[in-house]
């Protein structure tokens, strides 16, 4: 099959419609590559990448409500509920109704969930090593991506 020729136009904006110039594609394909890299790193822990994200948040703040966790991870309850059920079945977390408000469900690490943190300690370093970047560069990139996400969120709140 012959290769399609790129369309030519006199409009200078047309060059920005090339796939490799799209920020969205660079972020998307980088996210896919990162998730693929995490898979063998998380396998010994028995966690998927989304489960790992939940555990990261709970290692920072045990006793968080499901809604606070959802806000922190930008996930809705329909996505979170199966993740939390699985983590509970694995024995890493416990879900409890709040005593002051039965509508709220709070999440607590079990002893196994707290111990899992020690097994995860080398994951960030291994990921950084795989990136080929200096630590300062990764810190700057991460900060810039947080700023970019906040700017996108602000633009969509209108």
N, C-alpha and C. Protein backbone atom coordinates (compact mmCIF):
# COMPACT_ATOMS: atom_id res chain seq x y z
N UNK A 1 0.85 -1.18 0.00
CA UNK A 1 0.00 0.00 0.00
C UNK A 1 0.89 1.24 0.00
N UNK A 2 0.64 2.18 -0.90
CA UNK A 2 1.47 3.38 -0.96
C UNK A 2 1.26 4.24 0.29
N UNK A 3 2.32 4.88 0.70
CA UNK A 3 2.28 5.75 1.86
C UNK A 3 1.56 7.05 1.51
N UNK A 4 0.69 7.48 2.40
CA UNK A 4 -0.06 8.71 2.14
C UNK A 4 0.87 9.91 2.26
N UNK A 5 0.70 10.84 1.36
CA UNK A 5 1.49 12.07 1.41
C UNK A 5 0.84 13.03 2.39
N UNK A 6 1.66 13.73 3.16
CA UNK A 6 1.07 14.72 4.06
C UNK A 6 0.38 15.81 3.26
N UNK A 7 -0.73 16.27 3.78
CA UNK A 7 -1.44 17.32 3.06
C UNK A 7 -0.64 18.61 3.16
N UNK A 8 -0.67 19.32 2.09
CA UNK A 8 0.05 20.59 2.08
C UNK A 8 -0.97 21.70 2.05
N UNK A 9 -0.67 22.72 2.78
CA UNK A 9 -1.55 23.88 2.81
C UNK A 9 -0.70 25.10 3.10
N UNK A 10 -1.20 26.23 2.74
CA UNK A 10 -0.44 27.46 2.97
C UNK A 10 -0.67 27.99 4.39
N UNK A 11 -1.59 27.39 5.11
CA UNK A 11 -1.87 27.83 6.47
C UNK A 11 -0.76 27.34 7.41
N UNK A 12 0.01 28.23 8.03
CA UNK A 12 1.12 27.82 8.90
C UNK A 12 0.66 27.02 10.12
N UNK A 13 -0.61 27.13 10.48
CA UNK A 13 -1.11 26.37 11.62
C UNK A 13 -1.19 24.88 11.32
N UNK A 14 -1.18 24.52 10.05
CA UNK A 14 -1.34 23.11 9.69
C UNK A 14 -0.20 22.24 10.22
N UNK A 15 0.99 22.82 10.36
CA UNK A 15 2.11 22.04 10.89
C UNK A 15 1.84 21.56 12.32
N UNK A 16 0.99 22.26 13.06
CA UNK A 16 0.68 21.86 14.43
C UNK A 16 -0.28 20.69 14.49
N UNK A 17 -0.79 20.27 13.35
CA UNK A 17 -1.68 19.10 13.31
C UNK A 17 -0.91 17.81 13.08
N UNK A 18 0.41 17.87 13.13
CA UNK A 18 1.21 16.65 13.03
C UNK A 18 1.23 15.97 14.40
N UNK A 19 1.08 14.65 14.39
CA UNK A 19 0.98 13.88 15.62
C UNK A 19 2.13 14.15 16.59
N UNK A 20 3.35 14.16 16.08
CA UNK A 20 4.51 14.33 16.95
C UNK A 20 4.65 15.74 17.51
N UNK A 21 3.82 16.66 17.09
CA UNK A 21 3.83 18.01 17.65
C UNK A 21 2.73 18.18 18.70
N UNK A 22 1.96 17.14 18.93
CA UNK A 22 0.84 17.23 19.86
C UNK A 22 1.28 16.93 21.29
N UNK A 23 1.08 17.89 22.17
CA UNK A 23 1.37 17.70 23.58
C UNK A 23 0.54 16.54 24.13
N UNK A 24 -0.72 16.47 23.73
CA UNK A 24 -1.60 15.40 24.22
C UNK A 24 -1.03 14.02 23.89
N UNK A 25 -0.49 13.86 22.70
CA UNK A 25 0.07 12.56 22.33
C UNK A 25 1.36 12.28 23.08
N UNK A 26 2.18 13.30 23.26
CA UNK A 26 3.43 13.10 24.01
C UNK A 26 3.12 12.67 25.45
N UNK A 27 2.13 13.29 26.07
CA UNK A 27 1.74 12.92 27.43
C UNK A 27 1.11 11.53 27.46
N UNK A 28 0.23 11.26 26.52
CA UNK A 28 -0.47 9.97 26.45
C UNK A 28 0.52 8.82 26.23
N UNK A 29 1.39 8.96 25.24
CA UNK A 29 2.32 7.87 24.94
C UNK A 29 3.36 7.71 26.04
N UNK A 30 3.74 8.81 26.69
CA UNK A 30 4.65 8.72 27.84
C UNK A 30 3.98 8.01 29.00
N UNK A 31 2.71 8.29 29.21
CA UNK A 31 1.95 7.63 30.27
C UNK A 31 1.87 6.12 30.02
N UNK A 32 1.62 5.74 28.78
CA UNK A 32 1.57 4.32 28.43
C UNK A 32 2.92 3.64 28.69
N UNK A 33 3.99 4.31 28.28
CA UNK A 33 5.34 3.75 28.47
C UNK A 33 5.66 3.64 29.96
N UNK A 34 5.25 4.63 30.73
CA UNK A 34 5.53 4.61 32.17
C UNK A 34 4.75 3.48 32.85
N UNK A 35 3.50 3.32 32.49
CA UNK A 35 2.68 2.25 33.06
C UNK A 35 3.29 0.89 32.72
N UNK A 36 3.79 0.75 31.50
CA UNK A 36 4.44 -0.49 31.09
C UNK A 36 5.70 -0.74 31.92
N UNK A 37 6.44 0.31 32.21
CA UNK A 37 7.65 0.20 33.02
C UNK A 37 7.31 -0.18 34.47
N UNK A 38 6.22 0.35 34.98
CA UNK A 38 5.81 0.05 36.36
C UNK A 38 5.38 -1.41 36.55
N UNK A 39 4.83 -2.01 35.51
CA UNK A 39 4.24 -3.36 35.66
C UNK A 39 5.20 -4.36 36.31
N UNK A 40 6.42 -4.54 35.81
CA UNK A 40 7.32 -5.50 36.46
C UNK A 40 7.83 -5.02 37.83
N UNK A 41 7.84 -3.70 38.04
CA UNK A 41 8.27 -3.18 39.34
C UNK A 41 7.22 -3.44 40.42
N UNK A 42 5.96 -3.43 40.01
CA UNK A 42 4.86 -3.62 40.96
C UNK A 42 4.45 -5.08 41.12
N UNK A 43 4.85 -5.92 40.18
CA UNK A 43 4.46 -7.34 40.24
C UNK A 43 4.85 -8.01 41.57
N UNK A 44 6.07 -7.79 42.09
CA UNK A 44 6.42 -8.42 43.37
C UNK A 44 5.54 -7.96 44.53
N UNK A 45 4.94 -6.78 44.40
CA UNK A 45 4.05 -6.26 45.44
C UNK A 45 2.62 -6.76 45.25
N UNK A 46 2.35 -7.33 44.07
CA UNK A 46 1.00 -7.80 43.76
C UNK A 46 0.03 -6.67 43.50
N UNK A 47 0.54 -5.53 43.03
CA UNK A 47 -0.28 -4.36 42.79
C UNK A 47 -0.31 -3.99 41.31
N UNK A 48 -1.44 -3.46 40.89
CA UNK A 48 -1.52 -2.82 39.59
C UNK A 48 -1.11 -1.36 39.77
N UNK A 49 -0.91 -0.66 38.67
CA UNK A 49 -0.51 0.74 38.77
C UNK A 49 -1.57 1.59 39.49
N UNK A 50 -2.87 1.47 39.14
CA UNK A 50 -3.86 2.26 39.88
C UNK A 50 -3.91 1.91 41.38
N UNK A 51 -3.73 0.64 41.71
CA UNK A 51 -3.70 0.25 43.12
C UNK A 51 -2.48 0.88 43.82
N UNK A 52 -1.38 0.93 43.12
CA UNK A 52 -0.16 1.55 43.66
C UNK A 52 -0.42 3.03 43.97
N UNK A 53 -1.12 3.72 43.08
CA UNK A 53 -1.43 5.13 43.30
C UNK A 53 -2.27 5.31 44.57
N UNK A 54 -3.25 4.42 44.76
CA UNK A 54 -4.07 4.46 45.98
C UNK A 54 -3.18 4.27 47.20
N UNK A 55 -2.30 3.29 47.14
CA UNK A 55 -1.43 3.01 48.27
C UNK A 55 -0.49 4.18 48.55
N UNK A 56 0.02 4.83 47.51
CA UNK A 56 0.87 6.00 47.72
C UNK A 56 0.15 7.07 48.54
N UNK A 57 -1.10 7.33 48.17
CA UNK A 57 -1.87 8.35 48.89
C UNK A 57 -2.11 7.93 50.33
N UNK A 58 -2.46 6.66 50.54
CA UNK A 58 -2.73 6.20 51.90
C UNK A 58 -1.45 6.11 52.75
N UNK A 59 -0.32 5.86 52.13
CA UNK A 59 0.94 5.88 52.88
C UNK A 59 1.25 7.30 53.36
N UNK A 60 0.76 8.30 52.61
CA UNK A 60 0.92 9.70 53.01
C UNK A 60 -0.08 10.10 54.08
N UNK A 61 -1.33 9.61 53.95
CA UNK A 61 -2.42 10.06 54.83
C UNK A 61 -3.39 8.92 55.09
N UNK A 62 -3.06 8.08 56.04
CA UNK A 62 -3.93 6.98 56.44
C UNK A 62 -5.22 7.55 57.05
N UNK A 63 -6.35 6.89 56.81
CA UNK A 63 -7.61 7.33 57.39
C UNK A 63 -8.36 8.32 56.52
N UNK A 64 -7.97 8.45 55.28
CA UNK A 64 -8.60 9.37 54.33
C UNK A 64 -9.98 8.86 53.94
N UNK A 65 -10.88 9.75 53.63
CA UNK A 65 -12.20 9.34 53.13
C UNK A 65 -12.08 8.94 51.66
N UNK A 66 -13.02 8.15 51.20
CA UNK A 66 -13.04 7.73 49.80
C UNK A 66 -13.14 8.96 48.89
N UNK A 67 -13.97 9.93 49.28
CA UNK A 67 -14.12 11.12 48.43
C UNK A 67 -12.83 11.94 48.39
N UNK A 68 -12.12 12.05 49.52
CA UNK A 68 -10.84 12.78 49.53
C UNK A 68 -9.81 12.05 48.67
N UNK A 69 -9.82 10.73 48.74
CA UNK A 69 -8.91 9.94 47.89
C UNK A 69 -9.23 10.18 46.42
N UNK A 70 -10.51 10.16 46.08
CA UNK A 70 -10.93 10.40 44.70
C UNK A 70 -10.48 11.76 44.21
N UNK A 71 -10.61 12.78 45.05
CA UNK A 71 -10.15 14.12 44.67
C UNK A 71 -8.64 14.13 44.46
N UNK A 72 -7.92 13.49 45.35
CA UNK A 72 -6.46 13.47 45.27
C UNK A 72 -5.97 12.80 43.99
N UNK A 73 -6.67 11.73 43.58
CA UNK A 73 -6.26 10.97 42.39
C UNK A 73 -7.02 11.36 41.13
N UNK A 74 -7.95 12.29 41.25
CA UNK A 74 -8.81 12.69 40.12
C UNK A 74 -9.58 11.50 39.56
N UNK A 75 -10.12 10.68 40.46
CA UNK A 75 -10.90 9.50 40.07
C UNK A 75 -12.29 9.58 40.69
N UNK A 76 -13.29 9.11 39.96
CA UNK A 76 -14.64 9.09 40.51
C UNK A 76 -14.87 7.81 41.30
N UNK A 77 -15.96 7.78 42.05
CA UNK A 77 -16.22 6.63 42.92
C UNK A 77 -16.46 5.35 42.13
N UNK A 78 -16.99 5.45 40.93
CA UNK A 78 -17.20 4.27 40.09
C UNK A 78 -15.89 3.60 39.69
N UNK A 79 -14.84 4.37 39.58
CA UNK A 79 -13.52 3.83 39.27
C UNK A 79 -12.82 3.36 40.54
N UNK A 80 -12.99 4.14 41.61
CA UNK A 80 -12.31 3.83 42.87
C UNK A 80 -12.86 2.58 43.56
N UNK A 81 -14.17 2.40 43.56
CA UNK A 81 -14.78 1.31 44.33
C UNK A 81 -14.18 -0.05 44.01
N UNK A 82 -14.08 -0.46 42.73
CA UNK A 82 -13.47 -1.77 42.46
C UNK A 82 -12.01 -1.85 42.90
N UNK A 83 -11.26 -0.74 42.76
CA UNK A 83 -9.86 -0.72 43.21
C UNK A 83 -9.79 -0.95 44.72
N UNK A 84 -10.65 -0.27 45.44
CA UNK A 84 -10.64 -0.37 46.90
C UNK A 84 -11.08 -1.74 47.38
N UNK A 85 -12.08 -2.29 46.69
CA UNK A 85 -12.54 -3.65 47.05
C UNK A 85 -11.41 -4.66 46.86
N UNK A 86 -10.68 -4.52 45.77
CA UNK A 86 -9.57 -5.45 45.49
C UNK A 86 -8.45 -5.28 46.52
N UNK A 87 -8.12 -4.04 46.86
CA UNK A 87 -7.09 -3.80 47.87
C UNK A 87 -7.52 -4.34 49.24
N UNK A 88 -8.82 -4.28 49.50
CA UNK A 88 -9.34 -4.83 50.75
C UNK A 88 -9.25 -6.36 50.73
N UNK A 89 -9.59 -6.96 49.60
CA UNK A 89 -9.47 -8.42 49.47
C UNK A 89 -8.02 -8.89 49.60
N UNK A 90 -7.10 -8.07 49.12
CA UNK A 90 -5.67 -8.39 49.23
C UNK A 90 -5.16 -8.21 50.65
N UNK A 91 -5.97 -7.59 51.49
CA UNK A 91 -5.60 -7.39 52.89
C UNK A 91 -4.75 -6.16 53.16
N UNK A 92 -4.75 -5.20 52.21
CA UNK A 92 -3.92 -4.01 52.36
C UNK A 92 -4.64 -2.83 53.01
N UNK A 93 -5.96 -2.79 52.83
CA UNK A 93 -6.73 -1.68 53.40
C UNK A 93 -8.00 -2.21 54.06
N UNK A 94 -8.59 -1.33 54.83
CA UNK A 94 -9.87 -1.59 55.47
C UNK A 94 -10.76 -0.39 55.20
N UNK A 95 -12.00 -0.64 54.81
CA UNK A 95 -12.98 0.44 54.61
C UNK A 95 -13.91 0.44 55.82
N UNK A 96 -14.11 1.62 56.40
CA UNK A 96 -14.99 1.74 57.57
C UNK A 96 -15.89 2.95 57.41
N UNK A 97 -17.14 2.78 57.80
CA UNK A 97 -18.07 3.91 57.83
C UNK A 97 -17.64 4.85 58.95
N UNK A 98 -17.67 6.13 58.68
CA UNK A 98 -17.29 7.12 59.69
C UNK A 98 -18.34 7.12 60.80
N UNK A 99 -17.89 7.23 62.02
CA UNK A 99 -18.83 7.22 63.15
C UNK A 99 -19.63 8.52 63.22
N UNK A 100 -19.06 9.63 62.77
CA UNK A 100 -19.76 10.91 62.83
C UNK A 100 -20.65 11.18 61.62
N UNK A 101 -20.48 10.41 60.55
CA UNK A 101 -21.29 10.59 59.34
C UNK A 101 -21.29 9.27 58.57
N UNK A 102 -22.37 8.53 58.67
CA UNK A 102 -22.44 7.20 58.05
C UNK A 102 -22.38 7.22 56.53
N UNK A 103 -22.55 8.39 55.95
CA UNK A 103 -22.45 8.48 54.48
C UNK A 103 -21.00 8.41 54.03
N UNK A 104 -20.08 8.74 54.92
CA UNK A 104 -18.66 8.79 54.59
C UNK A 104 -17.99 7.45 54.91
N UNK A 105 -17.17 7.00 53.95
CA UNK A 105 -16.37 5.79 54.16
C UNK A 105 -14.91 6.23 54.23
N UNK A 106 -14.25 5.81 55.31
CA UNK A 106 -12.84 6.14 55.51
C UNK A 106 -11.99 4.90 55.22
N UNK A 107 -10.78 5.15 54.79
CA UNK A 107 -9.87 4.08 54.39
C UNK A 107 -8.68 4.03 55.34
N UNK A 108 -8.36 2.83 55.78
CA UNK A 108 -7.25 2.64 56.72
C UNK A 108 -6.34 1.53 56.22
N UNK A 109 -5.06 1.76 56.35
CA UNK A 109 -4.09 0.72 56.01
C UNK A 109 -4.13 -0.37 57.07
N UNK A 110 -3.99 -1.59 56.62
CA UNK A 110 -3.83 -2.71 57.55
C UNK A 110 -2.34 -2.81 57.84
N UNK A 111 -1.99 -3.70 58.73
CA UNK A 111 -0.57 -3.90 59.02
C UNK A 111 0.15 -4.37 57.75
N UNK A 112 -0.50 -5.24 56.96
CA UNK A 112 0.10 -5.70 55.70
C UNK A 112 0.27 -4.53 54.72
N UNK A 113 -0.70 -3.62 54.69
CA UNK A 113 -0.61 -2.45 53.82
C UNK A 113 0.53 -1.53 54.21
N UNK A 114 0.73 -1.37 55.51
CA UNK A 114 1.85 -0.55 55.98
C UNK A 114 3.19 -1.22 55.66
N UNK A 115 3.26 -2.53 55.80
CA UNK A 115 4.50 -3.27 55.50
C UNK A 115 4.84 -3.21 54.01
N UNK A 116 3.83 -3.16 53.18
CA UNK A 116 4.03 -3.11 51.74
C UNK A 116 4.85 -1.89 51.32
N UNK A 117 4.73 -0.82 52.09
CA UNK A 117 5.47 0.42 51.81
C UNK A 117 6.98 0.15 51.76
N UNK A 118 7.48 -0.64 52.68
CA UNK A 118 8.92 -0.95 52.71
C UNK A 118 9.35 -1.65 51.42
N UNK A 119 8.48 -2.49 50.87
CA UNK A 119 8.80 -3.20 49.62
C UNK A 119 8.80 -2.26 48.42
N UNK A 120 8.11 -1.12 48.55
CA UNK A 120 7.99 -0.19 47.43
C UNK A 120 9.07 0.88 47.43
N UNK A 121 9.88 0.92 48.45
CA UNK A 121 10.84 2.03 48.61
C UNK A 121 11.79 2.21 47.43
N UNK A 122 12.19 1.15 46.76
CA UNK A 122 13.16 1.29 45.67
C UNK A 122 12.51 1.60 44.31
N UNK A 123 11.19 1.57 44.24
CA UNK A 123 10.50 1.78 42.95
C UNK A 123 10.79 3.17 42.37
N UNK A 124 10.65 4.27 43.12
CA UNK A 124 10.93 5.58 42.52
C UNK A 124 12.36 5.71 41.97
N UNK A 125 13.32 5.16 42.70
CA UNK A 125 14.71 5.22 42.24
C UNK A 125 14.91 4.42 40.95
N UNK A 126 14.28 3.25 40.88
CA UNK A 126 14.40 2.43 39.67
C UNK A 126 13.74 3.12 38.48
N UNK A 127 12.63 3.78 38.72
CA UNK A 127 11.95 4.51 37.65
C UNK A 127 12.81 5.70 37.20
N UNK A 128 13.37 6.42 38.15
CA UNK A 128 14.23 7.56 37.82
C UNK A 128 15.43 7.10 37.01
N UNK A 129 16.00 5.99 37.39
CA UNK A 129 17.15 5.43 36.68
C UNK A 129 16.76 5.10 35.23
N UNK A 130 15.59 4.50 35.06
CA UNK A 130 15.13 4.14 33.72
C UNK A 130 14.87 5.37 32.85
N UNK A 131 14.59 6.51 33.48
CA UNK A 131 14.28 7.72 32.71
C UNK A 131 15.53 8.31 32.06
N UNK A 132 16.69 8.01 32.62
CA UNK A 132 17.92 8.58 32.09
C UNK A 132 18.08 10.05 32.43
N UNK A 133 17.26 10.54 33.34
CA UNK A 133 17.31 11.95 33.74
C UNK A 133 17.97 12.10 35.10
N UNK A 134 18.53 13.26 35.32
CA UNK A 134 19.05 13.61 36.64
C UNK A 134 17.85 13.87 37.55
N UNK A 135 18.04 13.66 38.84
CA UNK A 135 16.97 13.85 39.81
C UNK A 135 16.39 15.27 39.74
N UNK A 136 17.26 16.28 39.65
CA UNK A 136 16.78 17.68 39.58
C UNK A 136 15.90 17.90 38.35
N UNK A 137 16.26 17.26 37.25
CA UNK A 137 15.47 17.39 36.02
C UNK A 137 14.09 16.76 36.21
N UNK A 138 14.03 15.61 36.87
CA UNK A 138 12.74 14.96 37.14
C UNK A 138 11.88 15.79 38.07
N UNK A 139 12.50 16.40 39.07
CA UNK A 139 11.76 17.25 40.00
C UNK A 139 11.15 18.43 39.25
N UNK A 140 11.94 19.07 38.40
CA UNK A 140 11.47 20.21 37.61
C UNK A 140 10.36 19.79 36.65
N UNK A 141 10.53 18.67 35.98
CA UNK A 141 9.53 18.17 35.05
C UNK A 141 8.22 17.86 35.76
N UNK A 142 8.31 17.21 36.90
CA UNK A 142 7.12 16.88 37.69
C UNK A 142 6.40 18.14 38.13
N UNK A 143 7.15 19.12 38.61
CA UNK A 143 6.55 20.39 39.04
C UNK A 143 5.86 21.08 37.86
N UNK A 144 6.51 21.09 36.73
CA UNK A 144 5.93 21.74 35.55
C UNK A 144 4.65 21.03 35.10
N UNK A 145 4.63 19.69 35.18
CA UNK A 145 3.43 18.94 34.80
C UNK A 145 2.28 19.22 35.78
N UNK A 146 2.59 19.37 37.06
CA UNK A 146 1.56 19.76 38.03
C UNK A 146 0.97 21.12 37.68
N UNK A 147 1.85 22.05 37.32
CA UNK A 147 1.40 23.39 36.93
C UNK A 147 0.54 23.32 35.67
N UNK A 148 0.95 22.52 34.72
CA UNK A 148 0.21 22.37 33.47
C UNK A 148 -1.17 21.78 33.74
N UNK A 149 -1.23 20.74 34.58
CA UNK A 149 -2.52 20.13 34.94
C UNK A 149 -3.43 21.15 35.61
N UNK A 150 -2.88 21.95 36.51
CA UNK A 150 -3.67 22.98 37.19
C UNK A 150 -4.20 24.01 36.19
N UNK A 151 -3.37 24.38 35.24
CA UNK A 151 -3.79 25.35 34.22
C UNK A 151 -4.89 24.77 33.34
N UNK A 152 -4.76 23.50 32.96
CA UNK A 152 -5.81 22.85 32.17
C UNK A 152 -7.11 22.76 32.97
N UNK A 153 -7.00 22.43 34.26
CA UNK A 153 -8.18 22.34 35.11
C UNK A 153 -8.87 23.71 35.21
N UNK A 154 -8.08 24.74 35.35
CA UNK A 154 -8.61 26.11 35.43
C UNK A 154 -9.33 26.46 34.12
N UNK A 155 -8.74 26.08 33.00
CA UNK A 155 -9.33 26.39 31.69
C UNK A 155 -10.64 25.64 31.46
N UNK A 156 -10.80 24.48 32.07
CA UNK A 156 -12.03 23.71 31.86
C UNK A 156 -13.10 23.99 32.91
N UNK A 157 -12.76 24.78 33.95
CA UNK A 157 -13.73 25.12 34.99
C UNK A 157 -14.67 26.23 34.59
N UNK A 158 -14.41 26.88 33.47
CA UNK A 158 -15.24 28.02 33.04
C UNK A 158 -16.66 27.64 32.77
